[in-house]
PDB file of N, CA and C in Angstrom:
ATOM      1  N   GLY A   1      27.346  52.573 149.209  1.00  0.00           N
ATOM      2  CA  GLY A   1      27.349  53.369 148.009  1.00  0.00           C
ATOM      3  C   GLY A   1      27.453  52.503 146.769  1.00  0.00           C
ATOM      4  N   GLY A   2      26.912  53.001 145.700  1.00  0.00           N
ATOM      5  CA  GLY A   2      26.952  52.281 144.437  1.00  0.00           C
ATOM      6  C   GLY A   2      25.867  51.244 144.261  1.00  0.00           C
ATOM      7  N   VAL A   3      25.039  51.061 145.285  1.00  0.00           N
ATOM      8  CA  VAL A   3      23.987  50.046 145.218  1.00  0.00           C
ATOM      9  C   VAL A   3      22.968  50.389 144.137  1.00  0.00           C
ATOM     10  N   ALA A   4      22.658  51.661 143.985  1.00  0.00           N
ATOM     11  CA  ALA A   4      21.673  52.062 142.970  1.00  0.00           C
ATOM     12  C   ALA A   4      22.128  51.643 141.576  1.00  0.00           C
ATOM     13  N   PHE A   5      23.406  51.787 141.286  1.00  0.00           N
ATOM     14  CA  PHE A   5      23.915  51.341 139.986  1.00  0.00           C
ATOM     15  C   PHE A   5      23.740  49.833 139.823  1.00  0.00           C
ATOM     16  N   ILE A   6      24.063  49.091 140.868  1.00  0.00           N
ATOM     17  CA  ILE A   6      23.957  47.632 140.791  1.00  0.00           C
ATOM     18  C   ILE A   6      22.514  47.207 140.546  1.00  0.00           C
ATOM     19  N   ARG A   7      21.580  47.956 141.088  1.00  0.00           N
ATOM     20  CA  ARG A   7      20.159  47.622 140.892  1.00  0.00           C
ATOM     21  C   ARG A   7      19.706  47.827 139.444  1.00  0.00           C
ATOM     22  N   THR A   8      20.503  48.510 138.625  1.00  0.00           N
ATOM     23  CA  THR A   8      20.146  48.701 137.213  1.00  0.00           C
ATOM     24  C   THR A   8      20.619  47.551 136.328  1.00  0.00           C
ATOM     25  N   ILE A   9      21.437  46.669 136.848  1.00  0.00           N
ATOM     26  CA  ILE A   9      22.004  45.587 136.039  1.00  0.00           C
ATOM     27  C   ILE A   9      20.932  44.680 135.438  1.00  0.00           C
ATOM     28  N   PRO A  10      19.884  44.276 136.180  1.00  0.00           N
ATOM     29  CA  PRO A  10      18.857  43.435 135.542  1.00  0.00           C
ATOM     30  C   PRO A  10      18.228  44.084 134.303  1.00  0.00           C
ATOM     31  N   ALA A  11      18.052  45.392 134.317  1.00  0.00           N
ATOM     32  CA  ALA A  11      17.501  46.071 133.135  1.00  0.00           C
ATOM     33  C   ALA A  11      18.467  45.957 131.959  1.00  0.00           C
ATOM     34  N   LEU A  12      19.756  46.055 132.232  1.00  0.00           N
ATOM     35  CA  LEU A  12      20.746  45.915 131.165  1.00  0.00           C
ATOM     36  C   LEU A  12      20.798  44.486 130.636  1.00  0.00           C
ATOM     37  N   GLU A  13      20.551  43.518 131.510  1.00  0.00           N
ATOM     38  CA  GLU A  13      20.564  42.119 131.079  1.00  0.00           C
ATOM     39  C   GLU A  13      19.401  41.809 130.147  1.00  0.00           C
ATOM     40  N   ASN A  14      18.353  42.621 130.190  1.00  0.00           N
ATOM     41  CA  ASN A  14      17.204  42.421 129.302  1.00  0.00           C
ATOM     42  C   ASN A  14      17.459  42.920 127.889  1.00  0.00           C
ATOM     43  N   PHE A  15      18.533  43.687 127.677  1.00  0.00           N
ATOM     44  CA  PHE A  15      18.870  44.146 126.328  1.00  0.00           C
ATOM     45  C   PHE A  15      19.348  42.955 125.506  1.00  0.00           C
ATOM     46  N   LYS A  16      18.637  42.652 124.457  1.00  0.00           N
ATOM     47  CA  LYS A  16      19.064  41.605 123.530  1.00  0.00           C
ATOM     48  C   LYS A  16      19.337  42.288 122.202  1.00  0.00           C
ATOM     49  N   LEU A  17      20.586  42.549 121.940  1.00  0.00           N
ATOM     50  CA  LEU A  17      20.981  43.295 120.754  1.00  0.00           C
ATOM     51  C   LEU A  17      21.496  42.348 119.678  1.00  0.00           C
ATOM     52  N   ASP A  18      21.190  42.669 118.430  1.00  0.00           N
ATOM     53  CA  ASP A  18      21.639  41.844 117.310  1.00  0.00           C
ATOM     54  C   ASP A  18      23.113  42.078 116.985  1.00  0.00           C
ATOM     55  N   ASP A  19      23.572  43.281 117.205  1.00  0.00           N
ATOM     56  CA  ASP A  19      24.956  43.625 116.891  1.00  0.00           C
ATOM     57  C   ASP A  19      25.862  43.167 118.039  1.00  0.00           C
ATOM     58  N   PRO A  20      26.793  42.246 117.776  1.00  0.00           N
ATOM     59  CA  PRO A  20      27.665  41.757 118.855  1.00  0.00           C
ATOM     60  C   PRO A  20      28.516  42.860 119.488  1.00  0.00           C
ATOM     61  N   ASP A  21      28.888  43.869 118.703  1.00  0.00           N
ATOM     62  CA  ASP A  21      29.672  44.974 119.259  1.00  0.00           C
ATOM     63  C   ASP A  21      28.856  45.759 120.280  1.00  0.00           C
ATOM     64  N   GLU A  22      27.577  45.969 119.987  1.00  0.00           N
ATOM     65  CA  GLU A  22      26.709  46.674 120.931  1.00  0.00           C
ATOM     66  C   GLU A  22      26.497  45.837 122.189  1.00  0.00           C
ATOM     67  N   GLN A  23      26.391  44.520 122.031  1.00  0.00           N
ATOM     68  CA  GLN A  23      26.229  43.642 123.190  1.00  0.00           C
ATOM     69  C   GLN A  23      27.475  43.705 124.075  1.00  0.00           C
ATOM     70  N   ILE A  24      28.640  43.776 123.461  1.00  0.00           N
ATOM     71  CA  ILE A  24      29.885  43.928 124.228  1.00  0.00           C
ATOM     72  C   ILE A  24      29.860  45.253 124.979  1.00  0.00           C
ATOM     73  N   GLY A  25      29.345  46.296 124.341  1.00  0.00           N
ATOM     74  CA  GLY A  25      29.214  47.595 125.004  1.00  0.00           C
ATOM     75  C   GLY A  25      28.346  47.516 126.244  1.00  0.00           C
ATOM     76  N   VAL A  26      27.238  46.768 126.159  1.00  0.00           N
ATOM     77  CA  VAL A  26      26.360  46.587 127.320  1.00  0.00           C
ATOM     78  C   VAL A  26      27.114  45.864 128.433  1.00  0.00           C
ATOM     79  N   GLU A  27      27.893  44.850 128.072  1.00  0.00           N
ATOM     80  CA  GLU A  27      28.672  44.113 129.072  1.00  0.00           C
ATOM     81  C   GLU A  27      29.701  45.024 129.744  1.00  0.00           C
ATOM     82  N   ILE A  28      30.303  45.908 128.977  1.00  0.00           N
ATOM     83  CA  ILE A  28      31.272  46.859 129.541  1.00  0.00           C
ATOM     84  C   ILE A  28      30.584  47.798 130.522  1.00  0.00           C
ATOM     85  N   VAL A  29      29.405  48.291 130.156  1.00  0.00           N
ATOM     86  CA  VAL A  29      28.660  49.183 131.054  1.00  0.00           C
ATOM     87  C   VAL A  29      28.276  48.440 132.324  1.00  0.00           C
ATOM     88  N   LYS A  30      27.821  47.188 132.195  1.00  0.00           N
ATOM     89  CA  LYS A  30      27.459  46.402 133.383  1.00  0.00           C
ATOM     90  C   LYS A  30      28.645  46.284 134.333  1.00  0.00           C
ATOM     91  N   ARG A  31      29.799  46.024 133.783  1.00  0.00           N
ATOM     92  CA  ARG A  31      31.001  45.897 134.622  1.00  0.00           C
ATOM     93  C   ARG A  31      31.364  47.247 135.257  1.00  0.00           C
ATOM     94  N   ALA A  32      31.251  48.309 134.460  1.00  0.00           N
ATOM     95  CA  ALA A  32      31.633  49.638 134.953  1.00  0.00           C
ATOM     96  C   ALA A  32      30.735  50.115 136.083  1.00  0.00           C
ATOM     97  N   ILE A  33      29.443  49.801 136.021  1.00  0.00           N
ATOM     98  CA  ILE A  33      28.553  50.299 137.073  1.00  0.00           C
ATOM     99  C   ILE A  33      28.685  49.516 138.372  1.00  0.00           C
ATOM    100  N   GLU A  34      29.422  48.423 138.345  1.00  0.00           N
ATOM    101  CA  GLU A  34      29.743  47.711 139.584  1.00  0.00           C
ATOM    102  C   GLU A  34      30.914  48.363 140.320  1.00  0.00           C
ATOM    103  N   GLU A  35      31.707  49.123 139.614  1.00  0.00           N
ATOM    104  CA  GLU A  35      32.964  49.635 140.159  1.00  0.00           C
ATOM    105  C   GLU A  35      32.837  50.522 141.396  1.00  0.00           C
ATOM    106  N   PRO A  36      31.860  51.442 141.480  1.00  0.00           N
ATOM    107  CA  PRO A  36      31.796  52.244 142.714  1.00  0.00           C
ATOM    108  C   PRO A  36      31.643  51.378 143.969  1.00  0.00           C
ATOM    109  N   CYS A  37      30.749  50.398 143.917  1.00  0.00           N
ATOM    110  CA  CYS A  37      30.550  49.514 145.073  1.00  0.00           C
ATOM    111  C   CYS A  37      31.809  48.689 145.331  1.00  0.00           C
ATOM    112  N   ARG A  38      32.399  48.167 144.264  1.00  0.00           N
ATOM    113  CA  ARG A  38      33.615  47.363 144.399  1.00  0.00           C
ATOM    114  C   ARG A  38      34.746  48.187 145.031  1.00  0.00           C
ATOM    115  N   GLN A  39      34.911  49.428 144.585  1.00  0.00           N
ATOM    116  CA  GLN A  39      35.995  50.268 145.099  1.00  0.00           C
ATOM    117  C   GLN A  39      35.764  50.645 146.560  1.00  0.00           C
ATOM    118  N   ILE A  40      34.524  50.942 146.921  1.00  0.00           N
ATOM    119  CA  ILE A  40      34.212  51.260 148.319  1.00  0.00           C
ATOM    120  C   ILE A  40      34.560  50.070 149.206  1.00  0.00           C
ATOM    121  N   ALA A  41      34.191  48.866 148.766  1.00  0.00           N
ATOM    122  CA  ALA A  41      34.491  47.662 149.545  1.00  0.00           C
ATOM    123  C   ALA A  41      36.002  47.458 149.677  1.00  0.00           C
ATOM    124  N   GLU A  42      36.725  47.641 148.584  1.00  0.00           N
ATOM    125  CA  GLU A  42      38.176  47.458 148.636  1.00  0.00           C
ATOM    126  C   GLU A  42      38.841  48.513 149.509  1.00  0.00           C
ATOM    127  N   ASN A  43      38.333  49.730 149.472  1.00  0.00           N
ATOM    128  CA  ASN A  43      38.870  50.779 150.346  1.00  0.00           C
ATOM    129  C   ASN A  43      38.627  50.455 151.815  1.00  0.00           C
ATOM    130  N   ALA A  44      37.593  49.652 152.079  1.00  0.00           N
ATOM    131  CA  ALA A  44      37.284  49.244 153.451  1.00  0.00           C
ATOM    132  C   ALA A  44      37.999  47.950 153.825  1.00  0.00           C
ATOM    133  N   GLY A  45      38.882  47.460 152.945  1.00  0.00           N
ATOM    134  CA  GLY A  45      39.657  46.266 153.253  1.00  0.00           C
ATOM    135  C   GLY A  45      38.957  44.963 152.923  1.00  0.00           C
ATOM    136  N   GLN A  46      37.888  45.014 152.155  1.00  0.00           N
ATOM    137  CA  GLN A  46      37.145  43.815 151.779  1.00  0.00           C
ATOM    138  C   GLN A  46      37.463  43.441 150.337  1.00  0.00           C
ATOM    139  N   GLU A  47      37.070  42.238 149.950  1.00  0.00           N
ATOM    140  CA  GLU A  47      37.211  41.802 148.560  1.00  0.00           C
ATOM    141  C   GLU A  47      36.026  42.362 147.782  1.00  0.00           C
ATOM    142  N   GLY A  48      36.297  43.319 146.904  1.00  0.00           N
ATOM    143  CA  GLY A  48      35.248  44.045 146.198  1.00  0.00           C
ATOM    144  C   GLY A  48      34.296  43.177 145.409  1.00  0.00           C
ATOM    145  N   SER A  49      34.811  42.189 144.690  1.00  0.00           N
ATOM    146  CA  SER A  49      33.951  41.338 143.861  1.00  0.00           C
ATOM    147  C   SER A  49      32.993  40.514 144.706  1.00  0.00           C
ATOM    148  N   VAL A  50      33.446  40.070 145.862  1.00  0.00           N
ATOM    149  CA  VAL A  50      32.582  39.297 146.758  1.00  0.00           C
ATOM    150  C   VAL A  50      31.443  40.178 147.266  1.00  0.00           C
ATOM    151  N   ILE A  51      31.765  41.397 147.650  1.00  0.00           N
ATOM    152  CA  ILE A  51      30.749  42.329 148.146  1.00  0.00           C
ATOM    153  C   ILE A  51      29.741  42.645 147.049  1.00  0.00           C
ATOM    154  N   VAL A  52      30.204  42.894 145.833  1.00  0.00           N
ATOM    155  CA  VAL A  52      29.302  43.207 144.718  1.00  0.00           C
ATOM    156  C   VAL A  52      28.341  42.050 144.469  1.00  0.00           C
ATOM    157  N   GLU A  53      28.844  40.830 144.452  1.00  0.00           N
ATOM    158  CA  GLU A  53      27.971  39.673 144.207  1.00  0.00           C
ATOM    159  C   GLU A  53      26.938  39.516 145.311  1.00  0.00           C
ATOM    160  N   ARG A  54      27.333  39.780 146.535  1.00  0.00           N
ATOM    161  CA  ARG A  54      26.369  39.680 147.639  1.00  0.00           C
ATOM    162  C   ARG A  54      25.318  40.779 147.535  1.00  0.00           C
ATOM    163  N   VAL A  55      25.725  41.996 147.188  1.00  0.00           N
ATOM    164  CA  VAL A  55      24.772  43.099 147.032  1.00  0.00           C
ATOM    165  C   VAL A  55      23.743  42.748 145.964  1.00  0.00           C
ATOM    166  N   LYS A  56      24.176  42.103 144.885  1.00  0.00           N
ATOM    167  CA  LYS A  56      23.255  41.714 143.814  1.00  0.00           C
ATOM    168  C   LYS A  56      22.157  40.785 144.324  1.00  0.00           C
ATOM    169  N   LYS A  57      22.474  39.972 145.326  1.00  0.00           N
ATOM    170  CA  LYS A  57      21.520  38.985 145.846  1.00  0.00           C
ATOM    171  C   LYS A  57      20.624  39.535 146.953  1.00  0.00           C
ATOM    172  N   GLU A  58      20.997  40.669 147.513  1.00  0.00           N
ATOM    173  CA  GLU A  58      20.241  41.244 148.627  1.00  0.00           C
ATOM    174  C   GLU A  58      18.983  41.964 148.125  1.00  0.00           C
ATOM    175  N   PRO A  59      18.004  42.175 149.030  1.00  0.00           N
ATOM    176  CA  PRO A  59      16.814  42.954 148.660  1.00  0.00           C
ATOM    177  C   PRO A  59      17.193  44.381 148.254  1.00  0.00           C
ATOM    178  N   THR A  60      16.263  45.078 147.656  1.00  0.00           N
ATOM    179  CA  THR A  60      16.496  46.380 147.027  1.00  0.00           C
ATOM    180  C   THR A  60      17.272  47.375 147.871  1.00  0.00           C
ATOM    181  N   ASN A  61      16.884  47.625 149.092  1.00  0.00           N
ATOM    182  CA  ASN A  61      17.513  48.674 149.899  1.00  0.00           C
ATOM    183  C   ASN A  61      18.717  48.195 150.698  1.00  0.00           C
ATOM    184  N   VAL A  62      19.036  46.922 150.612  1.00  0.00           N
ATOM    185  CA  VAL A  62      20.140  46.376 151.397  1.00  0.00           C
ATOM    186  C   VAL A  62      21.436  46.483 150.600  1.00  0.00           C
ATOM    187  N   GLY A  63      22.462  46.970 151.282  1.00  0.00           N
ATOM    188  CA  GLY A  63      23.775  47.106 150.667  1.00  0.00           C
ATOM    189  C   GLY A  63      24.843  46.991 151.727  1.00  0.00           C
ATOM    190  N   TYR A  64      26.078  47.192 151.313  1.00  0.00           N
ATOM    191  CA  TYR A  64      27.214  47.073 152.218  1.00  0.00           C
ATOM    192  C   TYR A  64      27.525  48.425 152.825  1.00  0.00           C
ATOM    193  N   ASP A  65      27.477  48.486 154.155  1.00  0.00           N
ATOM    194  CA  ASP A  65      27.837  49.706 154.878  1.00  0.00           C
ATOM    195  C   ASP A  65      29.309  49.581 155.256  1.00  0.00           C
ATOM    196  N   ALA A  66      30.161  50.237 154.503  1.00  0.00           N
ATOM    197  CA  ALA A  66      31.609  50.116 154.700  1.00  0.00           C
ATOM    198  C   ALA A  66      32.060  50.678 156.043  1.00  0.00           C
ATOM    199  N   LEU A  67      31.302  51.608 156.595  1.00  0.00           N
ATOM    200  CA  LEU A  67      31.686  52.216 157.865  1.00  0.00           C
ATOM    201  C   LEU A  67      31.685  51.196 158.998  1.00  0.00           C
ATOM    202  N   ILE A  68      30.685  50.310 159.003  1.00  0.00           N
ATOM    203  CA  ILE A  68      30.604  49.305 160.069  1.00  0.00           C
ATOM    204  C   ILE A  68      30.939  47.899 159.582  1.00  0.00           C
ATOM    205  N   GLY A  69      31.126  47.741 158.266  1.00  0.00           N
ATOM    206  CA  GLY A  69      31.509  46.442 157.719  1.00  0.00           C
ATOM    207  C   GLY A  69      30.399  45.421 157.701  1.00  0.00           C
ATOM    208  N   GLU A  70      29.158  45.872 157.535  1.00  0.00           N
ATOM    209  CA  GLU A  70      28.012  44.960 157.537  1.00  0.00           C
ATOM    210  C   GLU A  70      27.050  45.286 156.404  1.00  0.00           C
ATOM    211  N   PHE A  71      26.241  44.283 156.062  1.00  0.00           N
ATOM    212  CA  PHE A  71      25.143  44.503 155.125  1.00  0.00           C
ATOM    213  C   PHE A  71      23.927  44.900 155.938  1.00  0.00           C
ATOM    214  N   ARG A  72      23.252  45.944 155.472  1.00  0.00           N
ATOM    215  CA  ARG A  72      22.037  46.366 156.160  1.00  0.00           C
ATOM    216  C   ARG A  72      21.197  47.236 155.237  1.00  0.00           C
ATOM    217  N   ASN A  73      19.992  47.561 155.692  1.00  0.00           N
ATOM    218  CA  ASN A  73      19.105  48.426 154.927  1.00  0.00           C
ATOM    219  C   ASN A  73      19.703  49.826 154.969  1.00  0.00           C
ATOM    220  N   LEU A  74      20.233  50.256 153.846  1.00  0.00           N
ATOM    221  CA  LEU A  74      20.947  51.529 153.810  1.00  0.00           C
ATOM    222  C   LEU A  74      20.008  52.724 153.878  1.00  0.00           C
ATOM    223  N   VAL A  75      18.787  52.571 153.399  1.00  0.00           N
ATOM    224  CA  VAL A  75      17.824  53.673 153.478  1.00  0.00           C
ATOM    225  C   VAL A  75      17.472  53.935 154.933  1.00  0.00           C
ATOM    226  N   GLU A  76      17.187  52.866 155.686  1.00  0.00           N
ATOM    227  CA  GLU A  76      16.887  53.026 157.115  1.00  0.00           C
ATOM    228  C   GLU A  76      18.086  53.591 157.870  1.00  0.00           C
ATOM    229  N   ALA A  77      19.287  53.255 157.421  1.00  0.00           N
ATOM    230  CA  ALA A  77      20.505  53.731 158.085  1.00  0.00           C
ATOM    231  C   ALA A  77      20.869  55.153 157.669  1.00  0.00           C
ATOM    232  N   GLY A  78      20.148  55.696 156.684  1.00  0.00           N
ATOM    233  CA  GLY A  78      20.421  57.061 156.235  1.00  0.00           C
ATOM    234  C   GLY A  78      21.564  57.169 155.245  1.00  0.00           C
ATOM    235  N   VAL A  79      21.973  56.036 154.678  1.00  0.00           N
ATOM    236  CA  VAL A  79      23.045  56.036 153.681  1.00  0.00           C
ATOM    237  C   VAL A  79      22.381  56.026 152.307  1.00  0.00           C
ATOM    238  N   VAL A  80      22.417  57.156 151.631  1.00  0.00           N
ATOM    239  CA  VAL A  80      21.779  57.240 150.313  1.00  0.00           C
ATOM    240  C   VAL A  80      22.747  57.864 149.308  1.00  0.00           C
ATOM    241  N   ASP A  81      22.641  57.408 148.076  1.00  0.00           N
ATOM    242  CA  ASP A  81      23.445  57.982 146.997  1.00  0.00           C
ATOM    243  C   ASP A  81      22.738  59.215 146.467  1.00  0.00           C
ATOM    244  N   ALA A  82      23.479  60.246 146.185  1.00  0.00           N
ATOM    245  CA  ALA A  82      22.909  61.447 145.589  1.00  0.00           C
ATOM    246  C   ALA A  82      22.606  61.140 144.122  1.00  0.00           C
ATOM    247  N   LYS A  83      21.319  61.119 143.789  1.00  0.00           N
ATOM    248  CA  LYS A  83      20.893  60.709 142.447  1.00  0.00           C
ATOM    249  C   LYS A  83      21.528  61.551 141.346  1.00  0.00           C
ATOM    250  N   LYS A  84      21.535  62.851 141.528  1.00  0.00           N
ATOM    251  CA  LYS A  84      22.070  63.723 140.486  1.00  0.00           C
ATOM    252  C   LYS A  84      23.561  63.471 140.279  1.00  0.00           C
ATOM    253  N   VAL A  85      24.296  63.298 141.346  1.00  0.00           N
ATOM    254  CA  VAL A  85      25.737  63.053 141.242  1.00  0.00           C
ATOM    255  C   VAL A  85      25.990  61.745 140.496  1.00  0.00           C
ATOM    256  N   MET A  86      25.236  60.715 140.845  1.00  0.00           N
ATOM    257  CA  MET A  86      25.419  59.418 140.192  1.00  0.00           C
ATOM    258  C   MET A  86      25.045  59.493 138.715  1.00  0.00           C
ATOM    259  N   ARG A  87      23.952  60.173 138.412  1.00  0.00           N
ATOM    260  CA  ARG A  87      23.506  60.298 137.023  1.00  0.00           C
ATOM    261  C   ARG A  87      24.554  61.039 136.198  1.00  0.00           C
ATOM    262  N   LEU A  88      25.057  62.140 136.742  1.00  0.00           N
ATOM    263  CA  LEU A  88      26.063  62.917 136.016  1.00  0.00           C
ATOM    264  C   LEU A  88      27.364  62.131 135.837  1.00  0.00           C
ATOM    265  N   ALA A  89      27.744  61.371 136.836  1.00  0.00           N
ATOM    266  CA  ALA A  89      28.962  60.559 136.719  1.00  0.00           C
ATOM    267  C   ALA A  89      28.814  59.544 135.592  1.00  0.00           C
ATOM    268  N   LEU A  90      27.659  58.907 135.523  1.00  0.00           N
ATOM    269  CA  LEU A  90      27.424  57.920 134.474  1.00  0.00           C
ATOM    270  C   LEU A  90      27.344  58.584 133.100  1.00  0.00           C
ATOM    271  N   GLN A  91      26.653  59.715 133.028  1.00  0.00           N
ATOM    272  CA  GLN A  91      26.552  60.434 131.754  1.00  0.00           C
ATOM    273  C   GLN A  91      27.926  60.898 131.268  1.00  0.00           C
ATOM    274  N   ASN A  92      28.715  61.446 132.163  1.00  0.00           N
ATOM    275  CA  ASN A  92      30.046  61.929 131.781  1.00  0.00           C
ATOM    276  C   ASN A  92      30.955  60.778 131.352  1.00  0.00           C
ATOM    277  N   ALA A  93      30.868  59.660 132.054  1.00  0.00           N
ATOM    278  CA  ALA A  93      31.672  58.498 131.676  1.00  0.00           C
ATOM    279  C   ALA A  93      31.275  57.999 130.291  1.00  0.00           C
ATOM    280  N   ALA A  94      29.973  57.957 130.019  1.00  0.00           N
ATOM    281  CA  ALA A  94      29.500  57.520 128.701  1.00  0.00           C
ATOM    282  C   ALA A  94      29.944  58.501 127.618  1.00  0.00           C
ATOM    283  N   SER A  95      29.904  59.775 127.937  1.00  0.00           N
ATOM    284  CA  SER A  95      30.323  60.789 126.977  1.00  0.00           C
ATOM    285  C   SER A  95      31.800  60.640 126.627  1.00  0.00           C
ATOM    286  N   ILE A  96      32.630  60.443 127.626  1.00  0.00           N
ATOM    287  CA  ILE A  96      34.068  60.268 127.391  1.00  0.00           C
ATOM    288  C   ILE A  96      34.325  58.978 126.618  1.00  0.00           C
ATOM    289  N   ALA A  97      33.603  57.912 126.972  1.00  0.00           N
ATOM    290  CA  ALA A  97      33.774  56.648 126.243  1.00  0.00           C
ATOM    291  C   ALA A  97      33.412  56.827 124.776  1.00  0.00           C
ATOM    292  N   GLY A  98      32.326  57.539 124.505  1.00  0.00           N
ATOM    293  CA  GLY A  98      31.935  57.806 123.121  1.00  0.00           C
ATOM    294  C   GLY A  98      32.985  58.617 122.389  1.00  0.00           C
ATOM    295  N   LEU A  99      33.549  59.588 123.071  1.00  0.00           N
ATOM    296  CA  LEU A  99      34.603  60.409 122.482  1.00  0.00           C
ATOM    297  C   LEU A  99      35.831  59.562 122.157  1.00  0.00           C
ATOM    298  N   MET A 100      36.179  58.667 123.061  1.00  0.00           N
ATOM    299  CA  MET A 100      37.339  57.809 122.846  1.00  0.00           C
ATOM    300  C   MET A 100      37.129  56.876 121.659  1.00  0.00           C
ATOM    301  N   ILE A 101      35.907  56.416 121.474  1.00  0.00           N
ATOM    302  CA  ILE A 101      35.609  55.508 120.367  1.00  0.00           C
ATOM    303  C   ILE A 101      35.711  56.225 119.024  1.00  0.00           C
ATOM    304  N   THR A 102      35.281  57.486 118.993  1.00  0.00           N
ATOM    305  CA  THR A 102      35.210  58.196 117.716  1.00  0.00           C
ATOM    306  C   THR A 102      36.483  58.951 117.346  1.00  0.00           C
ATOM    307  N   THR A 103      37.422  59.080 118.258  1.00  0.00           N
ATOM    308  CA  THR A 103      38.669  59.778 117.926  1.00  0.00           C
ATOM    309  C   THR A 103      39.745  58.768 117.548  1.00  0.00           C
ATOM    310  N   GLU A 104      40.707  59.227 116.785  1.00  0.00           N
ATOM    311  CA  GLU A 104      41.770  58.326 116.342  1.00  0.00           C
ATOM    312  C   GLU A 104      42.963  58.317 117.284  1.00  0.00           C
ATOM    313  N   ALA A 105      43.044  59.289 118.156  1.00  0.00           N
ATOM    314  CA  ALA A 105      44.170  59.351 119.085  1.00  0.00           C
ATOM    315  C   ALA A 105      43.690  59.927 120.405  1.00  0.00           C
ATOM    316  N   LEU A 106      44.358  59.556 121.459  1.00  0.00           N
ATOM    317  CA  LEU A 106      44.010  60.035 122.787  1.00  0.00           C
ATOM    318  C   LEU A 106      45.304  60.286 123.543  1.00  0.00           C
ATOM    319  N   VAL A 107      45.388  61.417 124.218  1.00  0.00           N
ATOM    320  CA  VAL A 107      46.568  61.756 125.002  1.00  0.00           C
ATOM    321  C   VAL A 107      46.162  61.744 126.467  1.00  0.00           C
ATOM    322  N   ALA A 108      46.934  61.047 127.265  1.00  0.00           N
ATOM    323  CA  ALA A 108      46.636  60.973 128.692  1.00  0.00           C
ATOM    324  C   ALA A 108      47.927  61.110 129.476  1.00  0.00           C
ATOM    325  N   GLU A 109      47.803  61.609 130.690  1.00  0.00           N
ATOM    326  CA  GLU A 109      48.959  61.704 131.574  1.00  0.00           C
ATOM    327  C   GLU A 109      49.028  60.457 132.431  1.00  0.00           C
ATOM    328  N   ILE A 110      50.223  59.948 132.610  1.00  0.00           N
ATOM    329  CA  ILE A 110      50.418  58.837 133.527  1.00  0.00           C
ATOM    330  C   ILE A 110      50.565  59.442 134.912  1.00  0.00           C
ATOM    331  N   PRO A 111      49.702  59.041 135.858  1.00  0.00           N
ATOM    332  CA  PRO A 111      49.789  59.649 137.186  1.00  0.00           C
ATOM    333  C   PRO A 111      51.118  59.313 137.861  1.00  0.00           C
ATOM    334  N   GLU A 112      51.671  60.296 138.537  1.00  0.00           N
ATOM    335  CA  GLU A 112      52.916  60.081 139.266  1.00  0.00           C
ATOM    336  C   GLU A 112      52.629  59.304 140.538  1.00  0.00           C
ATOM    337  N   LYS A 113      53.540  58.413 140.876  1.00  0.00           N
ATOM    338  CA  LYS A 113      53.400  57.682 142.130  1.00  0.00           C
ATOM    339  C   LYS A 113      53.663  58.637 143.274  1.00  0.00           C
ATOM    340  N   GLU A 114      52.877  58.474 144.331  1.00  0.00           N
ATOM    341  CA  GLU A 114      53.070  59.347 145.491  1.00  0.00           C
ATOM    342  C   GLU A 114      54.398  59.016 146.150  1.00  0.00           C
ATOM    343  N   LYS A 115      55.126  60.044 146.493  1.00  0.00           N
ATOM    344  CA  LYS A 115      56.408  59.862 147.152  1.00  0.00           C
ATOM    345  C   LYS A 115      56.184  59.788 148.657  1.00  0.00           C
ATOM    346  N   ALA A 116      57.048  59.030 149.312  1.00  0.00           N
ATOM    347  CA  ALA A 116      56.976  58.943 150.770  1.00  0.00           C
ATOM    348  C   ALA A 116      57.294  60.309 151.359  1.00  0.00           C
ATOM    349  N   PRO A 117      56.679  60.651 152.477  1.00  0.00           N
ATOM    350  CA  PRO A 117      56.975  61.950 153.076  1.00  0.00           C
ATOM    351  C   PRO A 117      58.447  62.039 153.480  1.00  0.00           C
ATOM    352  N   ALA A 118      58.990  63.223 153.398  1.00  0.00           N
ATOM    353  CA  ALA A 118      60.394  63.443 153.757  1.00  0.00           C
ATOM    354  C   ALA A 118      60.578  63.257 155.260  1.00  0.00           C
ATOM    355  N   TYR A 119      61.743  62.744 155.633  1.00  0.00           N
ATOM    356  CA  TYR A 119      62.054  62.604 157.048  1.00  0.00           C
ATOM    357  C   TYR A 119      62.364  63.969 157.637  1.00  0.00           C
ATOM    358  N   PRO A 120      62.145  64.143 158.926  1.00  0.00           N
ATOM    359  CA  PRO A 120      62.517  65.412 159.557  1.00  0.00           C
ATOM    360  C   PRO A 120      64.041  65.534 159.609  1.00  0.00           C
ATOM    361  N   PRO A 121      64.562  66.746 159.793  1.00  0.00           N
ATOM    362  CA  PRO A 121      66.023  66.909 159.891  1.00  0.00           C
ATOM    363  C   PRO A 121      66.587  65.981 160.958  1.00  0.00           C
ATOM    364  N   GLY A 122      67.649  65.284 160.628  1.00  0.00           N
ATOM    365  CA  GLY A 122      68.264  64.363 161.585  1.00  0.00           C
ATOM    366  C   GLY A 122      67.846  62.928 161.351  1.00  0.00           C
ATOM    367  N   GLY A 123      66.951  62.684 160.398  1.00  0.00           N
ATOM    368  CA  GLY A 123      66.535  61.322 160.064  1.00  0.00           C
ATOM    369  C   GLY A 123      65.276  60.893 160.791  1.00  0.00           C
ATOM    370  N   PRO A 124      64.839  59.657 160.511  1.00  0.00           N
ATOM    371  CA  PRO A 124      63.602  59.177 161.122  1.00  0.00           C
ATOM    372  C   PRO A 124      63.728  59.070 162.637  1.00  0.00           C
ATOM    373  N   GLY A 125      62.738  59.507 163.325  1.00  0.00           N
ATOM    374  CA  GLY A 125      62.724  59.431 164.780  1.00  0.00           C
ATOM    375  C   GLY A 125      63.418  60.580 165.474  1.00  0.00           C
ATOM    376  N   ALA A 126      64.091  61.454 164.706  1.00  0.00           N
ATOM    377  CA  ALA A 126      64.841  62.554 165.315  1.00  0.00           C
ATOM    378  C   ALA A 126      63.925  63.547 166.007  1.00  0.00           C
ATOM    379  N   ASP A 127      62.697  63.621 165.562  1.00  0.00           N
ATOM    380  CA  ASP A 127      61.780  64.592 166.153  1.00  0.00           C
ATOM    381  C   ASP A 127      61.123  64.074 167.429  1.00  0.00           C
ATOM    382  N   MET A 128      61.506  62.892 167.869  1.00  0.00           N
ATOM    383  CA  MET A 128      60.878  62.307 169.050  1.00  0.00           C
ATOM    384  C   MET A 128      61.618  62.659 170.337  1.00  0.00           C
ATOM    385  N   TYR A 129      62.760  63.322 170.244  1.00  0.00           N
ATOM    386  CA  TYR A 129      63.544  63.621 171.442  1.00  0.00           C
ATOM    387  C   TYR A 129      63.528  65.079 171.749  1.00  0.00           C
TER     388      TYR A 129
END
């Protein structure tokens, strides 16, 4: 997953903008579109940045199959990204980024850390007897 986004990076590298702020924006987008692939790799116990760099060097349809932990032709394997979902995710992210740039304040919730599950009555292991 995320290979389609990575395949768009060369097009972004062709943008030569005169405004340094806009060029920084392109660099931010390039980094952001690597994140789905990086996160999938990290969720599979791999080093995300290493996987992303390897995907960049592979042929068009080749990507990292996290289920089996190998690089292979994902189209032949039936692993495809839903185009509409990916497009909407990118559009929504860009929309929120634009909103954040143009507003003077932003309110966000800090996510609560997940608590460990409660032990059964009698303490840990009590339910084993």
